[in-house]
Protein backbone atom coordinates (compact mmCIF):
# COMPACT_ATOMS: atom_id res chain seq x y z
CA MET A 1 1.54 25.90 41.94
CA ILE A 2 4.43 26.67 44.33
CA ILE A 3 6.56 29.76 44.88
CA ASP A 4 10.23 29.42 43.96
CA THR A 5 11.73 31.84 46.48
CA ALA A 6 15.28 30.93 45.51
CA LYS A 7 14.67 32.30 41.99
CA ALA A 8 12.69 35.36 43.04
CA TYR A 9 13.80 38.52 41.28
CA ARG A 10 13.33 42.30 41.67
CA THR A 11 11.31 44.30 39.16
CA GLY A 12 10.92 48.04 39.53
CA GLY A 13 12.38 48.01 43.04
CA GLN A 14 9.79 45.51 44.31
CA ARG A 15 10.46 41.85 45.03
CA THR A 16 8.33 39.57 42.81
CA ALA A 17 7.93 35.82 43.37
CA ARG A 18 7.86 33.58 40.30
CA LEU A 19 5.39 30.71 40.25
CA VAL A 20 6.84 27.37 39.12
CA THR A 21 4.66 24.48 38.00
CA PRO A 22 5.78 21.13 39.41
CA ARG A 23 7.15 18.80 36.75
CA TRP A 24 4.82 15.97 37.75
CA ALA A 25 1.78 18.23 37.27
CA SER A 26 2.73 19.13 33.70
CA ARG A 27 3.37 15.45 32.92
CA VAL A 28 -0.04 14.49 34.26
CA VAL A 29 -1.67 17.04 31.95
CA VAL A 30 0.33 15.93 28.90
CA TYR A 31 -0.22 12.22 29.48
CA GLY A 32 -3.89 12.82 30.21
CA VAL A 33 -4.40 14.65 26.91
CA LEU A 34 -2.47 11.93 25.03
CA ALA A 35 -4.56 9.22 26.68
CA ILE A 36 -7.81 10.94 25.64
CA VAL A 37 -6.64 11.44 22.05
CA THR A 38 -5.39 7.84 21.83
CA THR A 39 -8.72 6.55 23.12
CA LEU A 40 -10.63 8.57 20.53
CA PHE A 41 -8.45 7.21 17.72
CA MET A 42 -8.78 3.65 19.03
CA LEU A 43 -12.58 3.69 19.29
CA PRO A 44 -13.16 2.59 15.64
CA VAL A 45 -10.63 -0.23 16.06
CA LEU A 46 -12.23 -1.38 19.30
CA TRP A 47 -15.66 -1.24 17.69
CA LEU A 48 -14.36 -3.37 14.81
CA VAL A 49 -12.88 -6.02 17.12
CA ILE A 50 -15.99 -6.15 19.33
CA SER A 51 -18.23 -6.46 16.27
CA THR A 52 -16.33 -9.55 15.10
CA LEU A 53 -17.53 -11.35 18.23
CA LYS A 54 -21.23 -10.67 17.64
CA ALA A 55 -23.74 -12.96 16.03
CA GLU A 56 -25.03 -11.88 12.62
CA GLY A 57 -28.55 -11.24 13.88
CA GLU A 58 -27.24 -9.47 16.95
CA TYR A 59 -25.27 -7.05 14.80
CA ILE A 60 -28.32 -5.86 12.86
CA ALA A 61 -30.74 -5.99 15.79
CA TYR A 62 -32.29 -2.84 17.22
CA PRO A 63 -31.43 -1.36 19.62
CA VAL A 64 -27.75 -1.99 18.87
CA THR A 65 -25.78 -3.32 21.84
CA ILE A 66 -22.11 -2.46 22.34
CA PHE A 67 -20.89 -5.82 23.63
CA PRO A 68 -22.00 -9.26 22.37
CA LYS A 69 -24.16 -11.40 24.61
CA THR A 70 -22.03 -14.45 23.84
CA PRO A 71 -18.68 -14.03 22.04
CA GLN A 72 -18.82 -15.71 18.63
CA PHE A 73 -15.20 -16.72 17.97
CA ILE A 74 -16.54 -18.92 15.18
CA ASN A 75 -16.68 -15.78 13.04
CA TYR A 76 -12.90 -16.02 12.62
CA TYR A 77 -13.24 -19.63 11.45
CA ARG A 78 -15.94 -18.58 9.00
CA ALA A 79 -13.69 -15.77 7.78
CA LEU A 80 -11.06 -18.36 6.87
CA THR A 81 -13.42 -20.87 5.27
CA ILE A 82 -16.18 -18.97 3.43
CA ILE A 83 -13.60 -17.94 0.83
CA PRO A 84 -10.18 -19.54 0.14
CA PHE A 85 -8.61 -17.04 2.52
CA PHE A 86 -5.05 -18.34 2.40
CA THR A 87 -5.05 -18.50 -1.40
CA TYR A 88 -5.96 -14.86 -1.75
CA ILE A 89 -3.68 -13.75 1.06
CA GLY A 90 -0.91 -15.56 -0.82
CA HIS A 91 -1.70 -13.46 -3.88
CA SER A 92 -1.53 -10.28 -1.80
CA LEU A 93 1.71 -11.37 -0.15
CA PHE A 94 3.39 -12.19 -3.46
CA LEU A 95 2.38 -8.94 -5.16
CA ALA A 96 3.29 -6.79 -2.16
CA SER A 97 6.63 -8.53 -1.62
CA ALA A 98 7.64 -8.51 -5.29
CA TYR A 99 6.75 -4.84 -5.71
CA THR A 100 8.50 -3.91 -2.47
CA VAL A 101 11.77 -5.66 -3.34
CA LEU A 102 11.88 -4.25 -6.87
CA VAL A 103 10.95 -0.68 -5.93
CA GLN A 104 13.58 -0.66 -3.15
CA LEU A 105 16.28 -1.71 -5.60
CA THR A 106 15.38 0.67 -8.43
CA SER A 107 14.53 3.65 -6.21
CA SER A 108 17.71 3.33 -4.15
CA LEU A 109 19.83 3.13 -7.31
CA ALA A 110 18.18 6.24 -8.74
CA ALA A 111 18.52 8.03 -5.40
CA PHE A 112 22.22 7.14 -5.20
CA GLY A 113 22.73 8.79 -8.58
CA PHE A 114 20.89 11.93 -7.49
CA ALA A 115 22.74 12.09 -4.17
CA ARG A 116 26.32 11.19 -5.07
CA ILE A 117 27.06 11.03 -8.81
CA PRO A 118 27.92 14.47 -10.28
CA ALA A 119 26.03 15.22 -13.47
CA ARG A 120 24.82 18.31 -15.26
CA GLY A 121 21.13 19.02 -14.76
CA LYS A 122 20.52 16.32 -12.15
CA GLU A 123 18.89 18.79 -9.74
CA THR A 124 16.43 19.85 -12.44
CA LEU A 125 15.71 16.22 -13.23
CA PHE A 126 15.20 15.49 -9.55
CA ARG A 127 12.65 18.30 -9.31
CA ILE A 128 10.81 16.85 -12.31
CA VAL A 129 10.75 13.45 -10.58
CA LEU A 130 9.30 15.05 -7.44
CA ALA A 131 6.75 16.96 -9.52
CA THR A 132 5.29 13.66 -10.73
CA MET A 133 4.15 13.00 -7.16
CA MET A 134 1.56 15.74 -7.63
CA VAL A 135 -0.15 13.79 -10.43
CA PRO A 136 -3.04 11.77 -8.93
CA GLY A 137 -2.99 8.07 -9.67
CA ILE A 138 -6.56 8.22 -10.97
CA VAL A 139 -5.29 10.35 -13.88
CA THR A 140 -2.89 7.69 -15.13
CA VAL A 141 -4.86 4.52 -14.36
CA ILE A 142 -6.94 4.59 -17.58
CA PRO A 143 -3.96 5.13 -19.93
CA GLN A 144 -2.06 2.38 -18.10
CA PHE A 145 -5.00 0.01 -18.39
CA MET A 146 -5.29 0.70 -22.14
CA VAL A 147 -1.57 0.06 -22.68
CA TYR A 148 -1.50 -3.11 -20.60
CA SER A 149 -4.65 -4.45 -22.23
CA GLN A 150 -3.19 -3.87 -25.70
CA ILE A 151 -0.08 -5.90 -24.87
CA GLY A 152 -2.02 -8.59 -23.02
CA LEU A 153 -0.88 -7.93 -19.44
CA THR A 154 -4.28 -7.33 -17.85
CA GLY A 155 -5.38 -10.26 -15.76
CA THR A 156 -1.74 -10.95 -14.83
CA TRP A 157 0.63 -9.77 -12.11
CA TRP A 158 3.03 -8.15 -14.57
CA PRO A 159 1.79 -4.55 -13.99
CA TRP A 160 3.06 -4.69 -10.40
CA ILE A 161 6.42 -6.06 -11.55
CA LEU A 162 6.76 -3.23 -14.08
CA TRP A 163 5.70 -0.60 -11.54
CA GLY A 164 8.37 -1.89 -9.18
CA LEU A 165 11.03 -1.79 -11.92
CA ALA A 166 10.00 1.80 -12.76
CA SER A 167 10.78 2.92 -9.15
CA HIS A 168 8.69 5.54 -7.35
CA PRO A 169 9.38 9.27 -6.78
CA PHE A 170 8.52 9.15 -3.07
CA HIS A 171 11.00 6.35 -2.41
CA ILE A 172 13.63 8.06 -4.56
CA PHE A 173 13.23 11.18 -2.42
CA LEU A 174 13.39 9.15 0.80
CA TYR A 175 16.60 7.36 -0.18
CA ARG A 176 18.19 10.43 -1.71
CA GLN A 177 17.78 12.47 1.47
CA PHE A 178 19.13 9.60 3.57
CA PHE A 179 22.13 9.04 1.31
CA ARG A 180 23.06 12.72 1.53
CA SER A 181 23.39 12.34 5.31
CA ILE A 182 26.09 9.64 4.96
CA PRO A 183 29.60 11.13 5.41
CA VAL A 184 31.48 11.73 2.17
CA GLU A 185 34.66 10.46 3.86
CA LEU A 186 33.34 6.88 3.70
CA GLU A 187 32.90 7.15 -0.04
CA GLU A 188 36.30 8.78 -0.56
CA ALA A 189 38.04 6.08 1.49
CA ALA A 190 36.35 3.39 -0.59
CA GLU A 191 37.44 5.07 -3.81
CA VAL A 192 41.03 5.15 -2.55
CA ASP A 193 40.78 1.39 -1.94
CA GLY A 194 39.70 0.90 -5.55
CA CYS A 195 35.96 0.28 -5.06
CA SER A 196 33.71 0.76 -8.06
CA THR A 197 30.66 3.01 -7.91
CA PHE A 198 28.26 0.09 -7.64
CA ARG A 199 30.37 -1.56 -4.92
CA ILE A 200 30.32 1.70 -2.94
CA PHE A 201 26.55 1.76 -3.26
CA TRP A 202 26.10 -1.91 -2.35
CA GLN A 203 28.67 -2.32 0.44
CA ILE A 204 28.67 1.12 2.06
CA PHE A 205 25.43 2.96 1.43
CA ILE A 206 22.97 0.07 1.64
CA PRO A 207 24.34 -1.41 4.95
CA ASN A 208 24.19 2.07 6.50
CA SER A 209 20.62 2.78 5.33
CA TRP A 210 18.52 0.26 7.22
CA GLY A 211 16.35 3.04 8.62
CA ALA A 212 15.44 4.28 5.14
CA ILE A 213 15.03 0.71 3.87
CA ALA A 214 12.62 -0.15 6.69
CA ALA A 215 10.53 3.00 6.22
CA SER A 216 10.41 2.71 2.43
CA SER A 217 9.62 -1.02 2.55
CA ILE A 218 6.71 -0.53 4.94
CA PHE A 219 5.23 2.25 2.81
CA SER A 220 5.53 0.31 -0.44
CA PHE A 221 4.31 -2.97 1.07
CA GLN A 222 1.23 -1.44 2.65
CA TRP A 223 0.37 0.38 -0.59
CA VAL A 224 0.00 -2.94 -2.45
CA TRP A 225 -1.30 -4.90 0.54
CA GLY A 226 -4.13 -2.48 1.24
CA ASP A 227 -4.92 -1.48 -2.34
CA TRP A 228 -8.36 -2.42 -3.63
CA PHE A 229 -8.78 -0.29 -6.73
CA TYR A 230 -5.91 -1.48 -8.94
CA PRO A 231 -6.44 -5.23 -8.35
CA LEU A 232 -10.13 -4.79 -9.08
CA ILE A 233 -9.32 -3.29 -12.48
CA PHE A 234 -6.21 -5.20 -13.57
CA LEU A 235 -6.81 -8.71 -12.17
CA THR A 236 -9.40 -11.43 -12.59
CA ASP A 237 -11.36 -13.17 -9.86
CA GLU A 238 -8.97 -16.13 -9.92
CA ASN A 239 -5.75 -14.22 -9.25
CA THR A 240 -7.02 -11.13 -7.45
CA THR A 241 -5.90 -10.07 -3.98
CA LEU A 242 -7.53 -10.51 -0.59
CA ALA A 243 -8.55 -6.85 -0.45
CA VAL A 244 -10.94 -7.38 -3.36
CA LYS A 245 -12.36 -10.62 -1.94
CA LEU A 246 -13.01 -8.94 1.42
CA ALA A 247 -15.37 -6.60 -0.40
CA THR A 248 -17.05 -9.14 -2.66
CA GLY A 249 -16.66 -12.66 -1.25
CA TYR A 250 -18.49 -12.79 2.09
CA LEU A 251 -22.07 -13.42 0.97
CA ASP A 252 -24.73 -15.90 2.06
CA PRO A 253 -26.48 -18.21 -0.47
CA LEU A 254 -29.05 -15.46 -1.14
CA GLY A 255 -26.35 -12.91 -1.95
CA HIS A 256 -26.66 -10.92 1.29
CA ARG A 257 -23.59 -9.49 2.99
CA LEU A 258 -22.24 -11.45 5.98
CA VAL A 259 -21.09 -8.59 8.17
CA THR A 260 -19.44 -10.25 11.17
CA PRO A 261 -17.27 -12.73 9.18
CA SER A 262 -16.26 -9.83 6.94
CA MET A 263 -15.12 -7.84 9.95
CA ALA A 264 -13.24 -10.82 11.34
CA ALA A 265 -11.47 -11.16 7.98
CA VAL A 266 -10.55 -7.45 8.10
CA VAL A 267 -8.95 -7.94 11.52
CA LEU A 268 -6.93 -10.89 10.21
CA TYR A 269 -6.02 -8.86 7.13
CA VAL A 270 -4.59 -5.83 8.94
CA LEU A 271 -2.93 -7.78 11.75
CA PRO A 272 0.31 -8.57 9.84
CA LEU A 273 0.89 -4.89 9.04
CA ILE A 274 0.35 -3.90 12.66
CA VAL A 275 2.81 -6.54 13.89
CA VAL A 276 5.45 -5.55 11.34
CA PHE A 277 5.05 -1.87 12.17
CA PHE A 278 5.53 -2.39 15.89
CA LEU A 279 8.56 -4.60 15.31
CA ALA A 280 10.20 -2.08 12.98
CA GLN A 281 8.91 1.22 14.32
CA LYS A 282 12.34 2.43 15.49
CA ARG A 283 13.80 1.90 12.04
CA ILE A 284 10.79 3.52 10.38
CA VAL A 285 10.92 6.64 12.54
CA GLN A 286 14.69 6.86 12.06
CA GLY A 287 14.33 6.60 8.30
CA VAL A 288 11.62 9.26 8.09
CA VAL A 289 13.34 11.71 10.45
CA THR A 290 16.76 11.53 8.81
CA THR A 291 15.35 12.37 5.37
CA GLY A 292 15.24 16.02 6.44
CA LEU A 293 18.87 16.31 7.55
CA LYS A 294 20.12 17.70 4.23
CA GLY A 295 18.38 19.45 1.40
């Protein structure tokens, strides 16, 4: 602490010196706290990565050691070969990509209507759409399964296609808030030039909404990519996703769980999402932040 004599002031007839904290000292405190919190959050991830390099017997031995005696990089090879890893990751990639593309298209179209097209009762309808977000997915999964099983869609990828075509209230809200932040003058100028409503949406709103598109795409992609429950119920063992096989496929001939190859497979499974997030984090943050600009 130092005394800032240049900014000293008088109180009650007496001269009082104000203490000023150096800027570097406050930064040291802030960065120190952030470093501690980051380390605490990273401990489970570090434990996971270190465990992938242990031998199977070393992992279950007592007392448990933190670091492996000899790094077992072969666990990553076993993770790729014990099950047809690339086949199941292809299933996950197809389902996640198809759902993401479809839900972006349908949700952005619905959001454009809520944000820009005048209609009686649209605000009430928008509130009803938002209210559906409060309904837990576990409440609707059994009725959906009964409907899809009656029409013969269980065991296929069609449920994800239909869910994408149905849009999603969260993504509608995200796009709607972003669209409301786009200046009306752009839309009016396009109307003067004779643009149709769909052309305004496609050539003006979409090119100016990459932040919302990036954020919404990441959220929708990771929902399907990391989902275990719905593929377990709706798909068969032949066309299921990698998330299900990570939980059921890494077994030895006696049916015992192979822990270290399973952990190596988890690292390979989450790595694409981490890479995509770091590459698109600016767009994601921009898309999330700008959704609160207008009500």
